[in-house]
C-alpha cells in the first residue's frame, strides 16, 4: 500500500494520517514536512498479527511534533520511545493495550482520552490546561484535585456521583455529558472562575439549586 501523503487540516492545524503498518515511512515523511501534528490509525489493509509497531520511529519527530492522536494500536514494541516526544502539547488517545504515563510529557496542555487502567499519572501532568475524559470509573473527581492549571474539563459517560475534588481548580469551562450516576453537583457554586457550564443528559440530577446561584455570571446550558 502506498503511503497517504495528503496534508489535511483540522482545528489544530495541518496534519497527516499514518497507518500503524506504515509507521516508519510515515514518520520519515512527517519529519521531511516538519509537520506539528500526526494521527496514528490502525492497520491499512489486511492486519498481520506478527507485525510489530515500533514506537522507536517516533524518536525522529522529537523536534517538531506537538500534537498526536492514537487510535487503538496492536502489537507495540519499544513503547517507552513515545516519551522522546517532549514537545507534545496535545494528546488524543483511544483505549490501548499498553500503559502510557502522561506525566512524562512535561509540556502537555491538553489530553483527550478514554480512561483505561494503563492511562497512568494523568492526574500528575501538572501543566494540563484542558482535559476531556470518557468512561472514568471513579465516583468523584478527587483524582484531579492537584491539576492547578486546569481551565477546561469535559467528563463524558463516566461513573462519577459527585464533583468533589475540583472545587479549588481554576476551571473556566465545565461540560458534564451522559454521566448517568451523577447526582450531587453542589461543587459548581464553588468554581469561582467558571464562565461556561454544560450539563447534558445526566438523568439523576434533580437538584439544580447550585446552578441557579451562578446563572447571573455563568453561561449555562442544561439539556435534559
N, C-alpha and C. Protein backbone atom coordinates (compact mmCIF):
# COMPACT_ATOMS: atom_id res chain seq x y z
N UNK A 1 0.84 -1.19 0.00
CA UNK A 1 0.00 0.00 0.00
C UNK A 1 0.88 1.26 0.00
N UNK A 2 0.51 2.22 -0.83
CA UNK A 2 1.25 3.47 -0.88
C UNK A 2 0.92 4.35 0.32
N UNK A 3 1.91 5.08 0.78
CA UNK A 3 1.72 5.99 1.89
C UNK A 3 0.79 7.13 1.48
N UNK A 4 -0.17 7.43 2.33
CA UNK A 4 -1.06 8.56 2.10
C UNK A 4 -0.31 9.85 2.47
N UNK A 5 -0.01 10.67 1.46
CA UNK A 5 0.76 11.89 1.69
C UNK A 5 -0.12 13.14 1.74
N UNK A 6 -1.43 12.93 1.84
CA UNK A 6 -2.35 14.06 1.89
C UNK A 6 -2.16 14.85 3.19
N UNK A 7 -1.97 16.15 3.06
CA UNK A 7 -1.90 17.03 4.22
C UNK A 7 -3.31 17.60 4.45
N UNK A 8 -3.88 17.24 5.59
CA UNK A 8 -5.24 17.65 5.93
C UNK A 8 -5.21 18.77 6.97
N UNK A 9 -6.40 19.32 7.23
CA UNK A 9 -6.49 20.38 8.24
C UNK A 9 -7.64 20.10 9.21
N UNK A 10 -7.42 20.41 10.48
CA UNK A 10 -8.49 20.41 11.47
C UNK A 10 -8.31 21.64 12.35
N UNK A 11 -9.00 21.71 13.47
CA UNK A 11 -8.93 22.90 14.32
C UNK A 11 -7.54 23.11 14.91
N UNK A 12 -6.75 22.05 14.97
CA UNK A 12 -5.38 22.17 15.49
C UNK A 12 -4.36 22.49 14.42
N UNK A 13 -4.80 22.58 13.16
CA UNK A 13 -3.87 22.89 12.07
C UNK A 13 -3.67 21.73 11.10
N UNK A 14 -2.57 21.75 10.39
CA UNK A 14 -2.27 20.73 9.39
C UNK A 14 -1.81 19.43 10.04
N UNK A 15 -2.19 18.31 9.40
CA UNK A 15 -1.77 17.01 9.92
C UNK A 15 -1.74 15.99 8.78
N UNK A 16 -1.05 14.89 9.04
CA UNK A 16 -1.10 13.75 8.14
C UNK A 16 -1.56 12.52 8.92
N UNK A 17 -2.16 11.58 8.19
CA UNK A 17 -2.60 10.31 8.76
C UNK A 17 -1.56 9.25 8.45
N UNK A 18 -1.15 8.51 9.48
CA UNK A 18 -0.18 7.43 9.31
C UNK A 18 -0.80 6.14 9.85
N UNK A 19 -0.86 5.12 9.02
CA UNK A 19 -1.37 3.83 9.47
C UNK A 19 -0.25 3.05 10.17
N UNK A 20 -0.66 2.24 11.15
CA UNK A 20 0.31 1.58 12.04
C UNK A 20 1.35 0.77 11.30
N UNK A 21 0.95 0.11 10.20
CA UNK A 21 1.91 -0.71 9.46
C UNK A 21 2.75 0.11 8.49
N UNK A 22 2.60 1.43 8.52
CA UNK A 22 3.43 2.32 7.70
C UNK A 22 4.11 3.38 8.58
N UNK A 23 4.33 3.02 9.85
CA UNK A 23 4.87 4.00 10.79
C UNK A 23 6.26 4.50 10.39
N UNK A 24 7.10 3.61 9.92
CA UNK A 24 8.46 4.01 9.53
C UNK A 24 8.42 5.03 8.40
N UNK A 25 7.70 4.69 7.31
CA UNK A 25 7.64 5.59 6.17
C UNK A 25 6.90 6.88 6.52
N UNK A 26 5.84 6.73 7.32
CA UNK A 26 5.02 7.89 7.67
C UNK A 26 5.75 8.89 8.54
N UNK A 27 6.52 8.40 9.51
CA UNK A 27 7.27 9.32 10.36
C UNK A 27 8.41 9.98 9.59
N UNK A 28 8.98 9.27 8.63
CA UNK A 28 10.01 9.87 7.78
C UNK A 28 9.42 11.02 6.96
N UNK A 29 8.20 10.80 6.46
CA UNK A 29 7.54 11.85 5.68
C UNK A 29 7.16 13.03 6.58
N UNK A 30 6.68 12.75 7.79
CA UNK A 30 6.33 13.81 8.74
C UNK A 30 7.57 14.63 9.11
N UNK A 31 8.71 13.97 9.25
CA UNK A 31 9.96 14.67 9.55
C UNK A 31 10.35 15.56 8.38
N UNK A 32 10.20 15.04 7.16
CA UNK A 32 10.51 15.82 5.96
C UNK A 32 9.65 17.08 5.90
N UNK A 33 8.37 16.96 6.25
CA UNK A 33 7.45 18.10 6.22
C UNK A 33 7.64 19.05 7.40
N UNK A 34 8.30 18.56 8.45
CA UNK A 34 8.41 19.29 9.73
C UNK A 34 7.01 19.63 10.25
N UNK A 35 6.11 18.68 10.08
CA UNK A 35 4.71 18.90 10.47
C UNK A 35 4.54 18.72 11.97
N UNK A 36 3.62 19.49 12.55
CA UNK A 36 3.49 19.51 14.01
C UNK A 36 2.43 18.54 14.52
N UNK A 37 1.63 17.93 13.63
CA UNK A 37 0.53 17.07 14.07
C UNK A 37 0.42 15.82 13.20
N UNK A 38 0.28 14.67 13.87
CA UNK A 38 0.03 13.42 13.14
C UNK A 38 -1.10 12.66 13.82
N UNK A 39 -1.79 11.85 13.03
CA UNK A 39 -2.80 10.93 13.55
C UNK A 39 -2.38 9.51 13.19
N UNK A 40 -2.22 8.68 14.21
CA UNK A 40 -1.83 7.29 14.00
C UNK A 40 -3.08 6.42 14.06
N UNK A 41 -3.34 5.70 12.99
CA UNK A 41 -4.52 4.84 12.91
C UNK A 41 -4.11 3.38 12.77
N UNK A 42 -5.10 2.50 12.79
CA UNK A 42 -4.84 1.07 12.72
C UNK A 42 -4.27 0.63 11.39
N UNK A 43 -4.13 -0.65 11.24
CA UNK A 43 -3.51 -1.23 10.05
C UNK A 43 -4.30 -0.88 8.80
N UNK A 44 -3.57 -0.59 7.74
CA UNK A 44 -4.17 -0.39 6.43
C UNK A 44 -4.10 -1.71 5.67
N UNK A 45 -5.26 -2.17 5.21
CA UNK A 45 -5.28 -3.46 4.53
C UNK A 45 -5.40 -4.59 5.53
N UNK A 46 -5.01 -5.78 5.14
CA UNK A 46 -5.13 -6.97 6.00
C UNK A 46 -4.12 -6.91 7.13
N UNK A 47 -4.60 -7.04 8.37
CA UNK A 47 -3.71 -6.94 9.52
C UNK A 47 -2.84 -8.19 9.66
N UNK A 48 -1.55 -7.97 9.83
CA UNK A 48 -0.59 -9.03 10.07
C UNK A 48 -0.33 -9.11 11.58
N UNK A 49 -0.82 -10.15 12.22
CA UNK A 49 -0.73 -10.25 13.68
C UNK A 49 0.71 -10.41 14.17
N UNK A 50 1.63 -10.74 13.25
CA UNK A 50 3.04 -10.88 13.61
C UNK A 50 3.78 -9.55 13.51
N UNK A 51 3.17 -8.57 12.88
CA UNK A 51 3.84 -7.29 12.64
C UNK A 51 3.94 -6.48 13.92
N UNK A 52 5.13 -5.98 14.23
CA UNK A 52 5.34 -5.15 15.41
C UNK A 52 5.34 -3.67 15.01
N UNK A 53 4.57 -2.89 15.73
CA UNK A 53 4.55 -1.45 15.51
C UNK A 53 5.60 -0.84 16.43
N UNK A 54 6.70 -0.40 15.85
CA UNK A 54 7.86 0.02 16.63
C UNK A 54 7.81 1.52 16.93
N UNK A 55 7.52 1.85 18.18
CA UNK A 55 7.43 3.25 18.58
C UNK A 55 8.77 3.97 18.55
N UNK A 56 9.84 3.23 18.33
CA UNK A 56 11.15 3.87 18.20
C UNK A 56 11.16 4.85 17.03
N UNK A 57 10.26 4.62 16.07
CA UNK A 57 10.17 5.53 14.91
C UNK A 57 9.77 6.94 15.33
N UNK A 58 9.11 7.08 16.48
CA UNK A 58 8.71 8.41 16.93
C UNK A 58 9.89 9.31 17.26
N UNK A 59 11.03 8.70 17.57
CA UNK A 59 12.18 9.48 18.02
C UNK A 59 12.63 10.51 16.99
N UNK A 60 12.39 10.21 15.72
CA UNK A 60 12.81 11.14 14.67
C UNK A 60 11.93 12.39 14.59
N UNK A 61 10.81 12.39 15.35
CA UNK A 61 9.88 13.51 15.32
C UNK A 61 9.97 14.38 16.57
N UNK A 62 10.96 14.14 17.39
CA UNK A 62 11.00 14.80 18.70
C UNK A 62 11.15 16.32 18.61
N UNK A 63 11.71 16.82 17.52
CA UNK A 63 11.95 18.27 17.40
C UNK A 63 10.68 19.06 17.07
N UNK A 64 9.81 18.49 16.23
CA UNK A 64 8.72 19.28 15.68
C UNK A 64 7.31 18.87 16.13
N UNK A 65 7.14 17.63 16.58
CA UNK A 65 5.78 17.16 16.83
C UNK A 65 5.19 17.76 18.11
N UNK A 66 3.99 18.37 17.98
CA UNK A 66 3.32 18.98 19.12
C UNK A 66 1.97 18.34 19.42
N UNK A 67 1.40 17.63 18.43
CA UNK A 67 0.06 17.06 18.59
C UNK A 67 0.05 15.64 18.03
N UNK A 68 -0.44 14.69 18.82
CA UNK A 68 -0.54 13.31 18.33
C UNK A 68 -1.90 12.73 18.71
N UNK A 69 -2.46 11.96 17.79
CA UNK A 69 -3.70 11.24 18.02
C UNK A 69 -3.44 9.76 17.76
N UNK A 70 -3.77 8.93 18.73
CA UNK A 70 -3.51 7.49 18.63
C UNK A 70 -4.80 6.70 18.68
N UNK A 71 -5.17 6.07 17.58
CA UNK A 71 -6.23 5.08 17.62
C UNK A 71 -5.70 3.84 18.34
N UNK A 72 -6.56 2.87 18.60
CA UNK A 72 -6.10 1.65 19.26
C UNK A 72 -5.07 0.94 18.39
N UNK A 73 -3.87 0.75 18.94
CA UNK A 73 -2.75 0.17 18.21
C UNK A 73 -2.37 -1.17 18.84
N UNK A 74 -2.28 -2.20 18.02
CA UNK A 74 -1.91 -3.54 18.49
C UNK A 74 -0.42 -3.78 18.28
N UNK A 75 0.13 -4.72 19.07
CA UNK A 75 1.49 -5.24 18.86
C UNK A 75 2.56 -4.14 18.85
N UNK A 76 2.59 -3.37 19.92
CA UNK A 76 3.54 -2.27 20.00
C UNK A 76 4.86 -2.74 20.61
N UNK A 77 5.96 -2.29 20.01
CA UNK A 77 7.31 -2.53 20.55
C UNK A 77 7.94 -1.20 20.93
N UNK A 78 8.85 -1.23 21.89
CA UNK A 78 9.59 -0.03 22.33
C UNK A 78 8.64 1.11 22.70
N UNK A 79 7.67 0.77 23.53
CA UNK A 79 6.66 1.76 23.94
C UNK A 79 7.30 3.00 24.56
N UNK A 80 8.38 2.81 25.31
CA UNK A 80 8.99 3.93 26.03
C UNK A 80 9.51 5.02 25.10
N UNK A 81 9.69 4.69 23.82
CA UNK A 81 10.20 5.69 22.87
C UNK A 81 9.22 6.82 22.62
N UNK A 82 7.96 6.62 22.97
CA UNK A 82 6.99 7.71 22.79
C UNK A 82 7.34 8.90 23.69
N UNK A 83 8.08 8.63 24.77
CA UNK A 83 8.46 9.70 25.68
C UNK A 83 9.56 10.60 25.11
N UNK A 84 10.08 10.23 23.95
CA UNK A 84 11.04 11.12 23.27
C UNK A 84 10.34 12.35 22.71
N UNK A 85 9.00 12.29 22.63
CA UNK A 85 8.22 13.40 22.06
C UNK A 85 7.97 14.45 23.14
N UNK A 86 9.04 15.11 23.53
CA UNK A 86 8.97 16.02 24.68
C UNK A 86 8.39 17.40 24.34
N UNK A 87 8.08 17.63 23.06
CA UNK A 87 7.44 18.89 22.69
C UNK A 87 5.93 18.75 22.53
N UNK A 88 5.40 17.56 22.84
CA UNK A 88 3.96 17.36 22.71
C UNK A 88 3.18 18.29 23.64
N UNK A 89 2.17 18.94 23.05
CA UNK A 89 1.29 19.81 23.82
C UNK A 89 -0.14 19.27 23.88
N UNK A 90 -0.52 18.47 22.87
CA UNK A 90 -1.86 17.89 22.85
C UNK A 90 -1.77 16.41 22.52
N UNK A 91 -2.48 15.59 23.30
CA UNK A 91 -2.51 14.14 23.08
C UNK A 91 -3.96 13.68 23.08
N UNK A 92 -4.32 12.95 22.02
CA UNK A 92 -5.66 12.37 21.90
C UNK A 92 -5.50 10.85 21.86
N UNK A 93 -6.19 10.14 22.73
CA UNK A 93 -5.99 8.70 22.85
C UNK A 93 -7.29 7.92 22.82
N UNK A 94 -7.29 6.81 22.11
CA UNK A 94 -8.29 5.78 22.31
C UNK A 94 -7.70 4.76 23.29
N UNK A 95 -8.53 3.90 23.82
CA UNK A 95 -8.08 2.87 24.76
C UNK A 95 -7.01 2.00 24.11
N UNK A 96 -5.92 1.77 24.84
CA UNK A 96 -4.80 0.98 24.34
C UNK A 96 -4.58 -0.27 25.20
N UNK A 97 -3.78 -1.18 24.69
CA UNK A 97 -3.40 -2.38 25.46
C UNK A 97 -2.09 -2.19 26.20
N UNK A 98 -1.48 -1.03 26.03
CA UNK A 98 -0.23 -0.72 26.73
C UNK A 98 -0.49 0.44 27.69
N UNK A 99 0.44 0.64 28.61
CA UNK A 99 0.35 1.75 29.56
C UNK A 99 1.11 2.95 29.03
N UNK A 100 0.60 4.14 29.36
CA UNK A 100 1.30 5.36 28.98
C UNK A 100 1.22 6.34 30.16
N UNK A 101 2.38 6.84 30.54
CA UNK A 101 2.49 7.74 31.69
C UNK A 101 2.44 9.18 31.20
N UNK A 102 1.30 9.83 31.38
CA UNK A 102 1.09 11.17 30.84
C UNK A 102 1.99 12.20 31.52
N UNK A 103 2.39 11.94 32.75
CA UNK A 103 3.23 12.90 33.47
C UNK A 103 4.63 13.03 32.86
N UNK A 104 4.97 12.11 31.96
CA UNK A 104 6.28 12.17 31.30
C UNK A 104 6.32 13.20 30.16
N UNK A 105 5.16 13.76 29.83
CA UNK A 105 5.12 14.79 28.78
C UNK A 105 5.01 16.15 29.48
N UNK A 106 6.16 16.80 29.63
CA UNK A 106 6.24 17.94 30.53
C UNK A 106 5.65 19.23 29.96
N UNK A 107 5.35 19.23 28.65
CA UNK A 107 4.77 20.43 28.04
C UNK A 107 3.30 20.25 27.68
N UNK A 108 2.71 19.15 28.10
CA UNK A 108 1.34 18.85 27.69
C UNK A 108 0.35 19.88 28.25
N UNK A 109 -0.53 20.34 27.35
CA UNK A 109 -1.57 21.30 27.73
C UNK A 109 -2.96 20.69 27.64
N UNK A 110 -3.15 19.74 26.71
CA UNK A 110 -4.46 19.13 26.52
C UNK A 110 -4.34 17.61 26.42
N UNK A 111 -5.25 16.93 27.10
CA UNK A 111 -5.38 15.47 26.98
C UNK A 111 -6.85 15.14 26.73
N UNK A 112 -7.10 14.38 25.67
CA UNK A 112 -8.43 13.85 25.41
C UNK A 112 -8.33 12.35 25.33
N UNK A 113 -9.01 11.63 26.23
CA UNK A 113 -8.80 10.18 26.27
C UNK A 113 -9.97 9.44 26.90
N UNK A 114 -10.19 8.24 26.41
CA UNK A 114 -10.99 7.27 27.14
C UNK A 114 -10.13 6.74 28.28
N UNK A 115 -10.72 6.57 29.44
CA UNK A 115 -9.97 6.05 30.58
C UNK A 115 -9.78 4.54 30.44
N UNK A 116 -8.58 4.08 30.72
CA UNK A 116 -8.31 2.66 30.95
C UNK A 116 -7.19 2.58 31.98
N UNK A 117 -6.99 1.39 32.56
CA UNK A 117 -6.04 1.26 33.66
C UNK A 117 -4.62 1.65 33.27
N UNK A 118 -4.34 1.60 31.99
CA UNK A 118 -3.00 1.95 31.52
C UNK A 118 -2.79 3.44 31.31
N UNK A 119 -3.83 4.23 31.55
CA UNK A 119 -3.68 5.69 31.47
C UNK A 119 -3.14 6.16 32.82
N UNK A 120 -1.82 6.29 32.87
CA UNK A 120 -1.12 6.45 34.15
C UNK A 120 -0.73 7.92 34.39
N UNK A 121 -0.93 8.36 35.62
CA UNK A 121 -0.43 9.65 36.09
C UNK A 121 -0.92 10.86 35.29
N UNK A 122 -2.08 10.74 34.67
CA UNK A 122 -2.63 11.95 34.02
C UNK A 122 -2.96 13.00 35.08
N UNK A 123 -3.22 12.54 36.31
CA UNK A 123 -3.51 13.45 37.41
C UNK A 123 -2.25 14.11 37.97
N UNK A 124 -1.08 13.73 37.44
CA UNK A 124 0.18 14.35 37.85
C UNK A 124 0.83 15.10 36.69
N UNK A 125 0.08 15.27 35.61
CA UNK A 125 0.55 16.08 34.48
C UNK A 125 0.14 17.52 34.78
N UNK A 126 0.95 18.19 35.60
CA UNK A 126 0.53 19.45 36.22
C UNK A 126 0.44 20.62 35.24
N UNK A 127 0.99 20.44 34.04
CA UNK A 127 0.90 21.50 33.03
C UNK A 127 -0.43 21.47 32.28
N UNK A 128 -1.26 20.44 32.50
CA UNK A 128 -2.53 20.32 31.79
C UNK A 128 -3.43 21.54 32.03
N UNK A 129 -3.93 22.08 30.92
CA UNK A 129 -4.89 23.18 30.98
C UNK A 129 -6.29 22.73 30.56
N UNK A 130 -6.34 21.61 29.84
CA UNK A 130 -7.61 21.12 29.30
C UNK A 130 -7.63 19.60 29.35
N UNK A 131 -8.75 19.03 29.80
CA UNK A 131 -8.86 17.59 29.93
C UNK A 131 -10.25 17.14 29.50
N UNK A 132 -10.29 16.20 28.56
CA UNK A 132 -11.54 15.57 28.14
C UNK A 132 -11.42 14.09 28.48
N UNK A 133 -12.31 13.62 29.34
CA UNK A 133 -12.20 12.27 29.90
C UNK A 133 -13.51 11.52 29.69
N UNK A 134 -13.44 10.32 29.15
CA UNK A 134 -14.63 9.48 29.00
C UNK A 134 -14.43 8.16 29.74
N UNK A 135 -15.55 7.62 30.23
CA UNK A 135 -15.57 6.32 30.91
C UNK A 135 -14.67 6.29 32.15
N UNK A 136 -14.63 7.40 32.86
CA UNK A 136 -13.87 7.48 34.11
C UNK A 136 -14.62 6.67 35.18
N UNK A 137 -13.95 5.71 35.86
CA UNK A 137 -14.66 4.77 36.74
C UNK A 137 -14.88 5.25 38.17
N UNK A 138 -14.23 6.34 38.58
CA UNK A 138 -14.32 6.77 39.98
C UNK A 138 -15.65 7.47 40.26
N UNK A 139 -16.05 7.48 41.52
CA UNK A 139 -17.33 8.09 41.89
C UNK A 139 -17.22 9.60 42.14
N UNK A 140 -16.00 10.12 42.22
CA UNK A 140 -15.82 11.57 42.33
C UNK A 140 -14.58 11.98 41.53
N UNK A 141 -14.23 13.26 41.61
CA UNK A 141 -13.13 13.78 40.78
C UNK A 141 -11.92 14.19 41.62
N UNK A 142 -11.79 13.59 42.80
CA UNK A 142 -10.69 13.95 43.69
C UNK A 142 -9.33 13.67 43.07
N UNK A 143 -9.29 12.74 42.13
CA UNK A 143 -8.02 12.41 41.46
C UNK A 143 -7.49 13.60 40.65
N UNK A 144 -8.35 14.56 40.35
CA UNK A 144 -7.94 15.72 39.55
C UNK A 144 -7.55 16.92 40.40
N UNK A 145 -7.61 16.78 41.70
CA UNK A 145 -7.53 17.94 42.60
C UNK A 145 -6.20 18.68 42.54
N UNK A 146 -5.13 18.04 42.05
CA UNK A 146 -3.81 18.68 42.02
C UNK A 146 -3.49 19.34 40.67
N UNK A 147 -4.45 19.29 39.74
CA UNK A 147 -4.21 19.88 38.41
C UNK A 147 -4.50 21.38 38.47
N UNK A 148 -3.58 22.11 39.04
CA UNK A 148 -3.82 23.50 39.41
C UNK A 148 -3.85 24.47 38.24
N UNK A 149 -3.53 23.99 37.03
CA UNK A 149 -3.59 24.84 35.84
C UNK A 149 -4.79 24.51 34.95
N UNK A 150 -5.65 23.60 35.41
CA UNK A 150 -6.75 23.11 34.59
C UNK A 150 -7.86 24.15 34.46
N UNK A 151 -8.12 24.55 33.21
CA UNK A 151 -9.15 25.56 32.94
C UNK A 151 -10.38 24.98 32.26
N UNK A 152 -10.19 23.87 31.56
CA UNK A 152 -11.29 23.25 30.82
C UNK A 152 -11.38 21.78 31.21
N UNK A 153 -12.59 21.34 31.59
CA UNK A 153 -12.81 19.94 31.94
C UNK A 153 -14.12 19.46 31.33
N UNK A 154 -14.03 18.39 30.55
CA UNK A 154 -15.20 17.72 30.00
C UNK A 154 -15.19 16.27 30.50
N UNK A 155 -16.30 15.83 31.06
CA UNK A 155 -16.41 14.45 31.54
C UNK A 155 -17.63 13.81 30.89
N UNK A 156 -17.39 12.74 30.13
CA UNK A 156 -18.44 12.07 29.38
C UNK A 156 -18.62 10.62 29.85
N UNK A 157 -19.85 10.16 29.86
CA UNK A 157 -20.21 8.75 30.09
C UNK A 157 -19.35 8.09 31.17
N UNK A 158 -19.28 8.75 32.30
CA UNK A 158 -18.45 8.26 33.41
C UNK A 158 -19.32 7.90 34.60
N UNK A 159 -18.69 7.33 35.64
CA UNK A 159 -19.43 6.82 36.79
C UNK A 159 -19.42 7.77 37.98
N UNK A 160 -19.04 9.00 37.76
CA UNK A 160 -19.00 9.96 38.86
C UNK A 160 -20.39 10.17 39.45
N UNK A 161 -20.42 10.29 40.78
CA UNK A 161 -21.66 10.56 41.50
C UNK A 161 -21.68 11.99 42.04
N UNK A 162 -20.48 12.51 42.32
CA UNK A 162 -20.34 13.90 42.77
C UNK A 162 -19.18 14.54 42.00
N UNK A 163 -19.04 15.85 42.16
CA UNK A 163 -17.95 16.59 41.53
C UNK A 163 -16.84 16.92 42.53
N UNK A 164 -16.90 16.30 43.68
CA UNK A 164 -15.91 16.56 44.73
C UNK A 164 -14.50 16.36 44.20
N UNK A 165 -13.65 17.34 44.49
CA UNK A 165 -12.25 17.26 44.07
C UNK A 165 -11.84 18.38 43.15
N UNK A 166 -12.82 19.04 42.50
CA UNK A 166 -12.46 20.10 41.54
C UNK A 166 -12.77 21.49 42.08
N UNK A 167 -13.23 21.58 43.33
CA UNK A 167 -13.73 22.85 43.86
C UNK A 167 -12.68 23.95 43.91
N UNK A 168 -11.40 23.60 43.98
CA UNK A 168 -10.34 24.60 44.08
C UNK A 168 -9.58 24.82 42.77
N UNK A 169 -10.06 24.19 41.71
CA UNK A 169 -9.39 24.34 40.42
C UNK A 169 -9.86 25.62 39.71
N UNK A 170 -9.00 26.22 38.87
CA UNK A 170 -9.36 27.46 38.17
C UNK A 170 -10.19 27.22 36.91
N UNK A 171 -11.20 26.35 37.01
CA UNK A 171 -11.97 25.96 35.84
C UNK A 171 -12.78 27.13 35.28
N UNK A 172 -12.67 27.31 33.97
CA UNK A 172 -13.46 28.32 33.27
C UNK A 172 -14.57 27.66 32.44
N UNK A 173 -14.37 26.40 32.09
CA UNK A 173 -15.35 25.68 31.28
C UNK A 173 -15.52 24.26 31.83
N UNK A 174 -16.77 23.87 32.05
CA UNK A 174 -17.08 22.54 32.57
C UNK A 174 -18.23 21.95 31.77
N UNK A 175 -18.01 20.75 31.22
CA UNK A 175 -19.06 20.04 30.49
C UNK A 175 -19.25 18.67 31.12
N UNK A 176 -20.50 18.34 31.43
CA UNK A 176 -20.86 17.06 32.05
C UNK A 176 -21.93 16.43 31.17
N UNK A 177 -21.57 15.33 30.51
CA UNK A 177 -22.46 14.77 29.49
C UNK A 177 -22.65 13.26 29.70
N UNK A 178 -23.91 12.85 29.82
CA UNK A 178 -24.29 11.45 29.90
C UNK A 178 -23.59 10.70 31.04
N UNK A 179 -23.44 11.41 32.16
CA UNK A 179 -22.91 10.77 33.37
C UNK A 179 -24.11 10.33 34.20
N UNK A 180 -24.55 9.11 33.98
CA UNK A 180 -25.86 8.67 34.49
C UNK A 180 -25.90 8.38 35.98
N UNK A 181 -24.74 8.42 36.64
CA UNK A 181 -24.72 8.25 38.11
C UNK A 181 -24.57 9.58 38.83
N UNK A 182 -24.30 10.64 38.10
CA UNK A 182 -24.05 11.95 38.71
C UNK A 182 -25.32 12.50 39.33
N UNK A 183 -25.23 12.83 40.62
CA UNK A 183 -26.42 13.32 41.35
C UNK A 183 -26.14 14.62 42.08
N UNK A 184 -24.98 14.70 42.72
CA UNK A 184 -24.66 15.87 43.54
C UNK A 184 -23.72 16.81 42.78
N UNK A 185 -24.21 18.02 42.48
CA UNK A 185 -23.40 18.99 41.73
C UNK A 185 -23.17 20.27 42.55
N UNK A 186 -23.22 20.14 43.88
CA UNK A 186 -23.06 21.29 44.77
C UNK A 186 -21.74 22.04 44.55
N UNK A 187 -20.72 21.31 44.14
CA UNK A 187 -19.39 21.90 43.95
C UNK A 187 -19.41 23.04 42.94
N UNK A 188 -20.34 23.01 42.01
CA UNK A 188 -20.37 24.00 40.93
C UNK A 188 -20.35 25.43 41.46
N UNK A 189 -21.06 25.68 42.54
CA UNK A 189 -21.13 27.06 43.06
C UNK A 189 -19.81 27.51 43.70
N UNK A 190 -18.88 26.59 43.87
CA UNK A 190 -17.57 26.94 44.44
C UNK A 190 -16.53 27.26 43.36
N UNK A 191 -16.90 27.06 42.10
CA UNK A 191 -15.96 27.29 41.00
C UNK A 191 -15.95 28.77 40.64
N UNK A 192 -15.05 29.51 41.25
CA UNK A 192 -15.06 30.97 41.19
C UNK A 192 -14.71 31.53 39.81
N UNK A 193 -14.00 30.76 38.99
CA UNK A 193 -13.56 31.25 37.69
C UNK A 193 -14.47 30.80 36.54
N UNK A 194 -15.51 30.04 36.87
CA UNK A 194 -16.34 29.40 35.83
C UNK A 194 -17.07 30.43 34.96
N UNK A 195 -16.98 30.18 33.63
CA UNK A 195 -17.65 31.04 32.66
C UNK A 195 -18.69 30.28 31.83
N UNK A 196 -18.42 29.01 31.55
CA UNK A 196 -19.31 28.20 30.71
C UNK A 196 -19.58 26.85 31.38
N UNK A 197 -20.87 26.50 31.45
CA UNK A 197 -21.27 25.22 32.05
C UNK A 197 -22.28 24.53 31.14
N UNK A 198 -21.99 23.27 30.83
CA UNK A 198 -22.92 22.43 30.08
C UNK A 198 -23.23 21.18 30.90
N UNK A 199 -24.51 20.93 31.13
CA UNK A 199 -24.95 19.68 31.74
C UNK A 199 -25.94 19.05 30.77
N UNK A 200 -25.57 17.90 30.23
CA UNK A 200 -26.40 17.27 29.20
C UNK A 200 -26.68 15.81 29.53
N UNK A 201 -27.95 15.49 29.63
CA UNK A 201 -28.41 14.12 29.78
C UNK A 201 -27.74 13.39 30.95
N UNK A 202 -27.68 14.09 32.08
CA UNK A 202 -27.24 13.47 33.33
C UNK A 202 -28.52 13.21 34.14
N UNK A 203 -29.10 12.07 33.94
CA UNK A 203 -30.50 11.84 34.31
C UNK A 203 -30.79 11.77 35.80
N UNK A 204 -29.77 11.62 36.64
CA UNK A 204 -30.01 11.51 38.08
C UNK A 204 -30.04 12.86 38.79
N UNK A 205 -29.64 13.91 38.10
CA UNK A 205 -29.61 15.22 38.75
C UNK A 205 -31.03 15.77 38.87
N UNK A 206 -31.45 16.00 40.11
CA UNK A 206 -32.76 16.60 40.37
C UNK A 206 -32.63 18.01 40.94
N UNK A 207 -31.56 18.22 41.69
CA UNK A 207 -31.39 19.48 42.41
C UNK A 207 -30.43 20.40 41.64
N UNK A 208 -30.98 21.47 41.07
CA UNK A 208 -30.17 22.41 40.30
C UNK A 208 -29.99 23.74 41.03
N UNK A 209 -30.18 23.75 42.36
CA UNK A 209 -30.08 25.00 43.11
C UNK A 209 -28.70 25.64 42.98
N UNK A 210 -27.67 24.82 42.98
CA UNK A 210 -26.30 25.36 42.87
C UNK A 210 -26.08 26.03 41.52
N UNK A 211 -26.78 25.55 40.50
CA UNK A 211 -26.70 26.18 39.18
C UNK A 211 -27.46 27.49 39.18
N UNK A 212 -28.61 27.51 39.81
CA UNK A 212 -29.40 28.74 39.89
C UNK A 212 -28.60 29.88 40.52
N UNK A 213 -27.74 29.54 41.46
CA UNK A 213 -26.97 30.56 42.18
C UNK A 213 -25.90 31.23 41.30
N UNK A 214 -25.53 30.60 40.20
CA UNK A 214 -24.46 31.16 39.36
C UNK A 214 -24.97 31.65 38.00
N UNK A 215 -26.26 31.59 37.78
CA UNK A 215 -26.84 31.90 36.47
C UNK A 215 -26.50 33.32 35.99
N UNK A 216 -26.35 34.25 36.93
CA UNK A 216 -26.13 35.64 36.55
C UNK A 216 -24.71 35.91 36.07
N UNK A 217 -23.78 34.99 36.32
CA UNK A 217 -22.39 35.25 35.92
C UNK A 217 -21.76 34.14 35.08
N UNK A 218 -22.53 33.08 34.80
CA UNK A 218 -22.01 31.94 34.03
C UNK A 218 -22.96 31.65 32.87
N UNK A 219 -22.40 31.35 31.71
CA UNK A 219 -23.20 30.90 30.56
C UNK A 219 -23.57 29.44 30.80
N UNK A 220 -24.85 29.19 31.10
CA UNK A 220 -25.30 27.85 31.48
C UNK A 220 -26.18 27.25 30.40
N UNK A 221 -25.89 25.99 30.05
CA UNK A 221 -26.76 25.22 29.15
C UNK A 221 -27.09 23.90 29.84
N UNK A 222 -28.38 23.64 29.96
CA UNK A 222 -28.83 22.38 30.54
C UNK A 222 -29.71 21.68 29.52
N UNK A 223 -29.32 20.47 29.13
CA UNK A 223 -30.08 19.67 28.17
C UNK A 223 -30.48 18.38 28.87
N UNK A 224 -31.79 18.22 29.10
CA UNK A 224 -32.24 17.06 29.89
C UNK A 224 -32.66 15.89 29.04
